[in-house]
Every structure is written in structure tokens, then in C-alpha cells.
Full PDB file with SEQRES, HELIX, SHEET, SSBOND, CRYST1, ORIGX, SCALE, CONECT and MASTER records, all heavy atoms in Angstrom:
SEQRES   1 A   29  LYS LEU ASN LEU TYR ARG ALA ALA ALA ASP LEU PHE ASP          
SEQRES   2 A   29  GLN VAL GLY PRO ASP THR ASP THR LEU GLY GLU VAL SER          
SEQRES   3 A   29  SER ILE SER                                                  
HELIX    1 AA1 LEU A    2  ALA A    8  1                                   7    
HELIX    2 AA2 ALA A    9  LEU A   11  5                                   3    
HELIX    3 AA3 THR A   19  LEU A   22  1                                   4    
CRYST1    1.000    1.000    1.000  90.00  90.00  90.00 P 1           1          
ORIGX1      1.000000  0.000000  0.000000        0.00000                         
ORIGX2      0.000000  1.000000  0.000000        0.00000                         
ORIGX3      0.000000  0.000000  1.000000        0.00000                         
SCALE1      1.000000  0.000000  0.000000        0.00000                         
SCALE2      0.000000  1.000000  0.000000        0.00000                         
SCALE3      0.000000  0.000000  1.000000        0.00000                         
ATOM      1  N   LYS A   1      18.744  10.105 -48.004  1.00  0.00           N  
ATOM      2  CA  LYS A   1      17.809   9.426 -47.094  1.00  0.00           C  
ATOM      3  C   LYS A   1      16.690  10.341 -46.595  1.00  0.00           C  
ATOM      4  O   LYS A   1      15.520   9.939 -46.555  1.00  0.00           O  
ATOM      5  CB  LYS A   1      18.586   8.847 -45.909  1.00  0.00           C  
ATOM      6  CG  LYS A   1      19.495   7.700 -46.262  1.00  0.00           C  
ATOM      7  CD  LYS A   1      20.234   7.160 -45.062  1.00  0.00           C  
ATOM      8  CE  LYS A   1      21.348   8.083 -44.621  1.00  0.00           C  
ATOM      9  NZ  LYS A   1      22.218   7.443 -43.594  1.00  0.00           N  
ATOM     10  N   LEU A   2      17.041  11.547 -46.195  1.00  0.00           N  
ATOM     11  CA  LEU A   2      16.045  12.482 -45.657  1.00  0.00           C  
ATOM     12  C   LEU A   2      15.150  13.030 -46.766  1.00  0.00           C  
ATOM     13  O   LEU A   2      13.917  13.017 -46.650  1.00  0.00           O  
ATOM     14  CB  LEU A   2      16.748  13.626 -44.926  1.00  0.00           C  
ATOM     15  CG  LEU A   2      17.442  13.279 -43.616  1.00  0.00           C  
ATOM     16  CD1 LEU A   2      18.394  14.409 -43.205  1.00  0.00           C  
ATOM     17  CD2 LEU A   2      16.422  13.050 -42.509  1.00  0.00           C  
ATOM     18  N   ASN A   3      15.767  13.529 -47.819  1.00  0.00           N  
ATOM     19  CA  ASN A   3      14.988  14.156 -48.882  1.00  0.00           C  
ATOM     20  C   ASN A   3      14.083  13.161 -49.598  1.00  0.00           C  
ATOM     21  O   ASN A   3      12.960  13.500 -49.983  1.00  0.00           O  
ATOM     22  CB  ASN A   3      15.926  14.822 -49.889  1.00  0.00           C  
ATOM     23  CG  ASN A   3      16.531  16.112 -49.357  1.00  0.00           C  
ATOM     24  OD1 ASN A   3      15.987  16.720 -48.443  1.00  0.00           O  
ATOM     25  ND2 ASN A   3      17.651  16.521 -49.905  1.00  0.00           N  
ATOM     26  N   LEU A   4      14.576  11.938 -49.791  1.00  0.00           N  
ATOM     27  CA  LEU A   4      13.755  10.939 -50.476  1.00  0.00           C  
ATOM     28  C   LEU A   4      12.505  10.619 -49.664  1.00  0.00           C  
ATOM     29  O   LEU A   4      11.397  10.567 -50.215  1.00  0.00           O  
ATOM     30  CB  LEU A   4      14.585   9.687 -50.744  1.00  0.00           C  
ATOM     31  CG  LEU A   4      13.874   8.562 -51.496  1.00  0.00           C  
ATOM     32  CD1 LEU A   4      14.835   7.857 -52.448  1.00  0.00           C  
ATOM     33  CD2 LEU A   4      13.294   7.527 -50.528  1.00  0.00           C  
ATOM     34  N   TYR A   5      12.680  10.434 -48.372  1.00  0.00           N  
ATOM     35  CA  TYR A   5      11.501  10.094 -47.561  1.00  0.00           C  
ATOM     36  C   TYR A   5      10.553  11.282 -47.450  1.00  0.00           C  
ATOM     37  O   TYR A   5       9.324  11.112 -47.487  1.00  0.00           O  
ATOM     38  CB  TYR A   5      11.937   9.631 -46.171  1.00  0.00           C  
ATOM     39  CG  TYR A   5      10.775   9.119 -45.345  1.00  0.00           C  
ATOM     40  CD1 TYR A   5      10.000   8.061 -45.794  1.00  0.00           C  
ATOM     41  CD2 TYR A   5      10.448   9.708 -44.126  1.00  0.00           C  
ATOM     42  CE1 TYR A   5       8.928   7.591 -45.045  1.00  0.00           C  
ATOM     43  CE2 TYR A   5       9.382   9.246 -43.381  1.00  0.00           C  
ATOM     44  CZ  TYR A   5       8.618   8.187 -43.839  1.00  0.00           C  
ATOM     45  OH  TYR A   5       7.555   7.728 -43.102  1.00  0.00           O  
ATOM     46  N   ARG A   6      11.111  12.477 -47.344  1.00  0.00           N  
ATOM     47  CA  ARG A   6      10.265  13.667 -47.256  1.00  0.00           C  
ATOM     48  C   ARG A   6       9.413  13.816 -48.516  1.00  0.00           C  
ATOM     49  O   ARG A   6       8.240  14.199 -48.447  1.00  0.00           O  
ATOM     50  CB  ARG A   6      11.149  14.904 -47.052  1.00  0.00           C  
ATOM     51  CG  ARG A   6      10.383  16.178 -46.769  1.00  0.00           C  
ATOM     52  CD  ARG A   6      11.322  17.347 -46.553  1.00  0.00           C  
ATOM     53  NE  ARG A   6      12.137  17.151 -45.367  1.00  0.00           N  
ATOM     54  CZ  ARG A   6      13.465  17.125 -45.379  1.00  0.00           C  
ATOM     55  NH1 ARG A   6      14.125  17.256 -46.511  1.00  0.00           N  
ATOM     56  NH2 ARG A   6      14.145  16.957 -44.260  1.00  0.00           N  
ATOM     57  N   ALA A   7       9.995  13.493 -49.665  1.00  0.00           N  
ATOM     58  CA  ALA A   7       9.281  13.675 -50.933  1.00  0.00           C  
ATOM     59  C   ALA A   7       8.325  12.537 -51.261  1.00  0.00           C  
ATOM     60  O   ALA A   7       7.321  12.751 -51.948  1.00  0.00           O  
ATOM     61  CB  ALA A   7      10.290  13.825 -52.074  1.00  0.00           C  
ATOM     62  N   ALA A   8       8.617  11.332 -50.768  1.00  0.00           N  
ATOM     63  CA  ALA A   8       7.884  10.150 -51.244  1.00  0.00           C  
ATOM     64  C   ALA A   8       7.328   9.288 -50.129  1.00  0.00           C  
ATOM     65  O   ALA A   8       7.022   8.110 -50.349  1.00  0.00           O  
ATOM     66  CB  ALA A   8       8.803   9.318 -52.140  1.00  0.00           C  
ATOM     67  N   ALA A   9       7.150   9.827 -48.943  1.00  0.00           N  
ATOM     68  CA  ALA A   9       6.680   9.024 -47.807  1.00  0.00           C  
ATOM     69  C   ALA A   9       5.358   8.326 -48.107  1.00  0.00           C  
ATOM     70  O   ALA A   9       5.138   7.173 -47.702  1.00  0.00           O  
ATOM     71  CB  ALA A   9       6.545   9.896 -46.561  1.00  0.00           C  
ATOM     72  N   ASP A  10       4.482   8.987 -48.838  1.00  0.00           N  
ATOM     73  CA  ASP A  10       3.155   8.418 -49.097  1.00  0.00           C  
ATOM     74  C   ASP A  10       3.195   7.237 -50.052  1.00  0.00           C  
ATOM     75  O   ASP A  10       2.200   6.499 -50.164  1.00  0.00           O  
ATOM     76  CB  ASP A  10       2.225   9.501 -49.652  1.00  0.00           C  
ATOM     77  CG  ASP A  10       2.718  10.056 -50.980  1.00  0.00           C  
ATOM     78  OD1 ASP A  10       3.824  10.640 -50.997  1.00  0.00           O  
ATOM     79  OD2 ASP A  10       2.012   9.917 -52.000  1.00  0.00           O  
ATOM     80  N   LEU A  11       4.313   7.028 -50.752  1.00  0.00           N  
ATOM     81  CA  LEU A  11       4.408   5.920 -51.700  1.00  0.00           C  
ATOM     82  C   LEU A  11       4.754   4.597 -51.018  1.00  0.00           C  
ATOM     83  O   LEU A  11       4.610   3.539 -51.622  1.00  0.00           O  
ATOM     84  CB  LEU A  11       5.466   6.230 -52.767  1.00  0.00           C  
ATOM     85  CG  LEU A  11       5.177   7.449 -53.659  1.00  0.00           C  
ATOM     86  CD1 LEU A  11       6.324   7.669 -54.637  1.00  0.00           C  
ATOM     87  CD2 LEU A  11       3.856   7.271 -54.408  1.00  0.00           C  
ATOM     88  N   PHE A  12       5.193   4.662 -49.768  1.00  0.00           N  
ATOM     89  CA  PHE A  12       5.516   3.438 -49.044  1.00  0.00           C  
ATOM     90  C   PHE A  12       4.260   2.868 -48.394  1.00  0.00           C  
ATOM     91  O   PHE A  12       3.468   3.583 -47.776  1.00  0.00           O  
ATOM     92  CB  PHE A  12       6.575   3.714 -47.974  1.00  0.00           C  
ATOM     93  CG  PHE A  12       7.933   4.026 -48.537  1.00  0.00           C  
ATOM     94  CD1 PHE A  12       8.325   5.344 -48.755  1.00  0.00           C  
ATOM     95  CD2 PHE A  12       8.811   3.013 -48.884  1.00  0.00           C  
ATOM     96  CE1 PHE A  12       9.560   5.638 -49.295  1.00  0.00           C  
ATOM     97  CE2 PHE A  12      10.053   3.290 -49.423  1.00  0.00           C  
ATOM     98  CZ  PHE A  12      10.430   4.619 -49.627  1.00  0.00           C  
ATOM     99  N   ASP A  13       4.103   1.562 -48.543  1.00  0.00           N  
ATOM    100  CA  ASP A  13       2.955   0.890 -47.938  1.00  0.00           C  
ATOM    101  C   ASP A  13       3.181   0.637 -46.450  1.00  0.00           C  
ATOM    102  O   ASP A  13       2.225   0.539 -45.682  1.00  0.00           O  
ATOM    103  CB  ASP A  13       2.696  -0.438 -48.651  1.00  0.00           C  
ATOM    104  CG  ASP A  13       2.360  -0.248 -50.123  1.00  0.00           C  
ATOM    105  OD1 ASP A  13       1.401   0.482 -50.412  1.00  0.00           O  
ATOM    106  OD2 ASP A  13       3.069  -0.815 -50.969  1.00  0.00           O  
ATOM    107  N   GLN A  14       4.435   0.521 -46.063  1.00  0.00           N  
ATOM    108  CA  GLN A  14       4.777   0.262 -44.664  1.00  0.00           C  
ATOM    109  C   GLN A  14       6.192   0.758 -44.424  1.00  0.00           C  
ATOM    110  O   GLN A  14       7.038   0.726 -45.323  1.00  0.00           O  
ATOM    111  CB  GLN A  14       4.702  -1.241 -44.354  1.00  0.00           C  
ATOM    112  CG  GLN A  14       4.939  -1.609 -42.899  1.00  0.00           C  
ATOM    113  CD  GLN A  14       4.885  -3.116 -42.681  1.00  0.00           C  
ATOM    114  OE1 GLN A  14       4.635  -3.879 -43.616  1.00  0.00           O  
ATOM    115  NE2 GLN A  14       5.137  -3.555 -41.457  1.00  0.00           N  
ATOM    116  N   VAL A  15       6.448   1.242 -43.210  1.00  0.00           N  
ATOM    117  CA  VAL A  15       7.800   1.690 -42.868  1.00  0.00           C  
ATOM    118  C   VAL A  15       8.211   1.086 -41.535  1.00  0.00           C  
ATOM    119  O   VAL A  15       7.371   0.653 -40.733  1.00  0.00           O  
ATOM    120  CB  VAL A  15       7.907   3.228 -42.808  1.00  0.00           C  
ATOM    121  CG1 VAL A  15       7.656   3.848 -44.174  1.00  0.00           C  
ATOM    122  CG2 VAL A  15       6.961   3.808 -41.754  1.00  0.00           C  
ATOM    123  N   GLY A  16       9.515   1.072 -41.294  1.00  0.00           N  
ATOM    124  CA  GLY A  16      10.054   0.503 -40.067  1.00  0.00           C  
ATOM    125  C   GLY A  16       9.866   1.404 -38.859  1.00  0.00           C  
ATOM    126  O   GLY A  16       9.458   2.563 -38.989  1.00  0.00           O  
ATOM    127  N   PRO A  17      10.201   0.903 -37.672  1.00  0.00           N  
ATOM    128  CA  PRO A  17       9.917   1.621 -36.428  1.00  0.00           C  
ATOM    129  C   PRO A  17      10.705   2.917 -36.262  1.00  0.00           C  
ATOM    130  O   PRO A  17      10.264   3.809 -35.537  1.00  0.00           O  
ATOM    131  CB  PRO A  17      10.291   0.600 -35.344  1.00  0.00           C  
ATOM    132  CG  PRO A  17      11.252  -0.341 -35.999  1.00  0.00           C  
ATOM    133  CD  PRO A  17      10.796  -0.425 -37.416  1.00  0.00           C  
ATOM    134  N   ASP A  18      11.863   3.048 -36.921  1.00  0.00           N  
ATOM    135  CA  ASP A  18      12.686   4.246 -36.759  1.00  0.00           C  
ATOM    136  C   ASP A  18      12.537   5.236 -37.903  1.00  0.00           C  
ATOM    137  O   ASP A  18      13.121   6.318 -37.866  1.00  0.00           O  
ATOM    138  CB  ASP A  18      14.163   3.858 -36.634  1.00  0.00           C  
ATOM    139  CG  ASP A  18      14.459   3.133 -35.330  1.00  0.00           C  
ATOM    140  OD1 ASP A  18      13.976   3.584 -34.287  1.00  0.00           O  
ATOM    141  OD2 ASP A  18      15.171   2.117 -35.368  1.00  0.00           O  
ATOM    142  N   THR A  19      11.758   4.876 -38.901  1.00  0.00           N  
ATOM    143  CA  THR A  19      11.688   5.701 -40.103  1.00  0.00           C  
ATOM    144  C   THR A  19      11.119   7.085 -39.810  1.00  0.00           C  
ATOM    145  O   THR A  19      11.687   8.106 -40.203  1.00  0.00           O  
ATOM    146  CB  THR A  19      10.849   4.997 -41.178  1.00  0.00           C  
ATOM    147  OG1 THR A  19      11.401   3.702 -41.418  1.00  0.00           O  
ATOM    148  CG2 THR A  19      10.858   5.783 -42.477  1.00  0.00           C  
ATOM    149  N   ASP A  20      10.004   7.141 -39.125  1.00  0.00           N  
ATOM    150  CA  ASP A  20       9.399   8.437 -38.839  1.00  0.00           C  
ATOM    151  C   ASP A  20      10.186   9.212 -37.788  1.00  0.00           C  
ATOM    152  O   ASP A  20      10.261  10.444 -37.849  1.00  0.00           O  
ATOM    153  CB  ASP A  20       7.949   8.256 -38.387  1.00  0.00           C  
ATOM    154  CG  ASP A  20       7.028   7.860 -39.547  1.00  0.00           C  
ATOM    155  OD1 ASP A  20       7.276   8.335 -40.674  1.00  0.00           O  
ATOM    156  OD2 ASP A  20       6.093   7.082 -39.328  1.00  0.00           O  
ATOM    157  N   THR A  21      10.771   8.512 -36.816  1.00  0.00           N  
ATOM    158  CA  THR A  21      11.566   9.208 -35.798  1.00  0.00           C  
ATOM    159  C   THR A  21      12.747   9.920 -36.428  1.00  0.00           C  
ATOM    160  O   THR A  21      13.037  11.084 -36.119  1.00  0.00           O  
ATOM    161  CB  THR A  21      12.074   8.211 -34.742  1.00  0.00           C  
ATOM    162  OG1 THR A  21      10.953   7.578 -34.118  1.00  0.00           O  
ATOM    163  CG2 THR A  21      12.898   8.926 -33.674  1.00  0.00           C  
ATOM    164  N   LEU A  22      13.441   9.229 -37.333  1.00  0.00           N  
ATOM    165  CA  LEU A  22      14.603   9.817 -37.994  1.00  0.00           C  
ATOM    166  C   LEU A  22      14.216  10.626 -39.232  1.00  0.00           C  
ATOM    167  O   LEU A  22      15.015  11.411 -39.733  1.00  0.00           O  
ATOM    168  CB  LEU A  22      15.587   8.715 -38.406  1.00  0.00           C  
ATOM    169  CG  LEU A  22      16.248   7.957 -37.254  1.00  0.00           C  
ATOM    170  CD1 LEU A  22      17.069   6.802 -37.790  1.00  0.00           C  
ATOM    171  CD2 LEU A  22      17.128   8.888 -36.431  1.00  0.00           C  
ATOM    172  N   GLY A  23      13.007  10.405 -39.734  1.00  0.00           N  
ATOM    173  CA  GLY A  23      12.563  11.115 -40.926  1.00  0.00           C  
ATOM    174  C   GLY A  23      13.328  10.737 -42.173  1.00  0.00           C  
ATOM    175  O   GLY A  23      13.536  11.567 -43.063  1.00  0.00           O  
ATOM    176  N   GLU A  24      13.735   9.465 -42.261  1.00  0.00           N  
ATOM    177  CA  GLU A  24      14.565   9.050 -43.389  1.00  0.00           C  
ATOM    178  C   GLU A  24      14.324   7.590 -43.741  1.00  0.00           C  
ATOM    179  O   GLU A  24      13.806   6.816 -42.929  1.00  0.00           O  
ATOM    180  CB  GLU A  24      16.045   9.254 -43.075  1.00  0.00           C  
ATOM    181  CG  GLU A  24      16.561   8.330 -41.981  1.00  0.00           C  
ATOM    182  CD  GLU A  24      18.054   8.507 -41.704  1.00  0.00           C  
ATOM    183  OE1 GLU A  24      18.513   9.659 -41.695  1.00  0.00           O  
ATOM    184  OE2 GLU A  24      18.737   7.481 -41.491  1.00  0.00           O  
ATOM    185  N   VAL A  25      14.733   7.245 -44.954  1.00  0.00           N  
ATOM    186  CA  VAL A  25      14.716   5.864 -45.430  1.00  0.00           C  
ATOM    187  C   VAL A  25      16.085   5.549 -46.013  1.00  0.00           C  
ATOM    188  O   VAL A  25      16.579   6.278 -46.866  1.00  0.00           O  
ATOM    189  CB  VAL A  25      13.622   5.652 -46.494  1.00  0.00           C  
ATOM    190  CG1 VAL A  25      13.940   4.457 -47.369  1.00  0.00           C  
ATOM    191  CG2 VAL A  25      12.269   5.451 -45.853  1.00  0.00           C  
ATOM    192  N   SER A  26      16.706   4.480 -45.525  1.00  0.00           N  
ATOM    193  CA  SER A  26      17.976   4.035 -46.099  1.00  0.00           C  
ATOM    194  C   SER A  26      17.828   2.701 -46.807  1.00  0.00           C  
ATOM    195  O   SER A  26      18.730   2.291 -47.545  1.00  0.00           O  
ATOM    196  CB  SER A  26      19.049   3.918 -45.010  1.00  0.00           C  
ATOM    197  OG  SER A  26      18.641   3.013 -43.991  1.00  0.00           O  
ATOM    198  N   SER A  27      16.715   2.013 -46.598  1.00  0.00           N  
ATOM    199  CA  SER A  27      16.486   0.699 -47.201  1.00  0.00           C  
ATOM    200  C   SER A  27      15.089   0.671 -47.815  1.00  0.00           C  
ATOM    201  O   SER A  27      14.101   1.004 -47.157  1.00  0.00           O  
ATOM    202  CB  SER A  27      16.596  -0.395 -46.132  1.00  0.00           C  
ATOM    203  OG  SER A  27      16.176  -1.653 -46.633  1.00  0.00           O  
ATOM    204  N   ILE A  28      15.031   0.296 -49.095  1.00  0.00           N  
ATOM    205  CA  ILE A  28      13.759   0.117 -49.792  1.00  0.00           C  
ATOM    206  C   ILE A  28      13.675  -1.341 -50.219  1.00  0.00           C  
ATOM    207  O   ILE A  28      14.578  -1.862 -50.881  1.00  0.00           O  
ATOM    208  CB  ILE A  28      13.666   1.032 -51.030  1.00  0.00           C  
ATOM    209  CG1 ILE A  28      13.783   2.508 -50.631  1.00  0.00           C  
ATOM    210  CG2 ILE A  28      12.348   0.785 -51.774  1.00  0.00           C  
ATOM    211  CD1 ILE A  28      13.850   3.457 -51.819  1.00  0.00           C  
ATOM    212  N   SER A  29      12.605  -2.017 -49.825  1.00  0.00           N  
ATOM    213  CA  SER A  29      12.443  -3.423 -50.178  1.00  0.00           C  
ATOM    214  C   SER A  29      10.960  -3.700 -50.420  1.00  0.00           C  
ATOM    215  O   SER A  29      10.111  -2.813 -50.308  1.00  0.00           O  
ATOM    216  CB  SER A  29      12.986  -4.326 -49.050  1.00  0.00           C  
ATOM    217  OG  SER A  29      12.297  -4.083 -47.838  1.00  0.00           O  
TER     218      SER A  29                                                      
MASTER        0    0    0    3    0    0    0    6  217    1    0    3          
END                                                                             
């Protein structure tokens, strides 16, 4: 979750409210 978001944050068009606070992504849709 942490490493994926750190490496690919710019590829997401939109993220949820806790994504940047936690620095992670657990759901991709």
C-alpha cells in the first residue's frame, strides 16, 4: 500500500480523503 502509492501517486486522477494523510492506497477503482 505505501510503496505503490509512493511510486505511482501521479498516475491516479483522484484519491480519497485519507490517501495522502496515510500515504497509501489499498483500493484502486
